[in-house]
Protein backbone atom coordinates (compact mmCIF):
# COMPACT_ATOMS: atom_id res chain seq x y z
CA MET A 1 101.75 87.33 130.12
CA VAL A 2 102.52 91.03 129.77
CA PRO A 3 99.45 93.28 130.02
CA ARG A 4 98.66 95.18 126.85
CA ARG A 5 98.90 98.96 127.01
CA ASP A 6 96.33 100.94 125.07
CA LYS A 7 97.73 103.28 122.47
CA SER A 8 96.92 106.96 122.36
CA ALA A 9 94.65 108.35 119.65
CA ALA A 10 97.60 110.00 117.91
CA ALA A 11 99.49 106.69 117.81
CA LEU A 12 96.49 104.91 116.32
CA ILE A 13 96.01 107.64 113.71
CA GLY A 14 99.66 107.36 112.71
CA GLN A 15 99.49 103.58 112.58
CA TYR A 16 96.43 103.46 110.34
CA THR A 17 97.64 106.31 108.14
CA SER A 18 100.84 104.41 107.46
CA LEU A 19 98.78 101.29 106.82
CA ALA A 20 96.79 103.16 104.17
CA LEU A 21 100.03 104.13 102.41
CA VAL A 22 101.64 100.66 102.42
CA LEU A 23 99.75 99.29 99.42
CA PRO A 24 100.24 102.14 96.95
CA ILE A 25 103.87 102.68 97.92
CA SER A 26 104.73 98.99 97.63
CA SER A 27 103.08 98.86 94.19
CA VAL A 28 105.01 101.90 92.96
CA VAL A 29 108.31 100.64 94.36
CA GLY A 30 107.80 97.20 92.80
CA GLY A 31 106.93 98.72 89.43
CA GLY A 32 109.88 101.11 89.65
CA LEU A 33 112.31 98.32 90.38
CA GLY A 34 110.85 96.32 87.50
CA TYR A 35 111.29 99.33 85.21
CA LEU A 36 114.95 99.62 86.21
CA VAL A 37 115.50 95.89 85.64
CA ASP A 38 113.79 96.26 82.25
CA ARG A 39 116.20 99.05 81.33
CA VAL A 40 119.22 96.97 82.35
CA PHE A 41 118.18 93.81 80.48
CA GLY A 42 116.44 95.49 77.54
CA THR A 43 113.09 93.86 78.21
CA HIS A 44 109.66 95.46 78.51
CA PHE A 45 107.55 93.19 80.71
CA LEU A 46 109.34 92.89 84.04
CA TRP A 47 107.81 96.10 85.42
CA ILE A 48 104.44 94.34 85.35
CA ALA A 49 105.75 91.30 87.21
CA PHE A 50 107.55 93.39 89.82
CA GLY A 51 104.50 95.64 90.17
CA ILE A 52 102.33 92.60 90.86
CA LEU A 53 104.86 91.30 93.39
CA GLY A 54 104.96 94.69 95.11
CA THR A 55 101.17 94.84 95.24
CA ALA A 56 101.00 91.32 96.67
CA GLY A 57 103.57 92.24 99.31
CA GLY A 58 101.55 95.32 100.24
CA ILE A 59 98.33 93.31 100.54
CA ILE A 60 100.07 90.73 102.73
CA GLU A 61 101.42 93.45 105.02
CA VAL A 62 98.00 95.11 105.35
CA LEU A 63 96.37 91.76 106.14
CA ARG A 64 99.04 90.92 108.74
CA GLN A 65 98.57 94.25 110.50
CA LEU A 66 94.79 93.90 110.50
CA GLN A 67 95.13 90.36 111.86
CA ARG A 68 97.38 91.59 114.69
CA ASP A 69 94.88 94.30 115.56
CA SER A 70 91.87 92.00 115.49
CA ASP A 71 93.56 89.37 117.71
CA GLY A 72 93.68 91.88 120.56
CA ASP A 73 89.93 92.55 120.27
CA ALA A 74 88.95 88.90 120.60
CA LYS A 75 89.79 88.75 124.32
């Protein structure tokens, strides 16, 4: 097993700052893609579905990162 190296304070700040931005960015990107698909197909509801999918993807990514971080603390 490879020993785990501790990260510097700057690396941790960058990691958690990016983690805080994942959810809003994924929601906006999902909604934006849905808006573009709505424009192409002439519909008006797909931006909601894509926004929900983007939000779900962001939540999953945040939970995965937090799970990875908490697994190292258990030892």
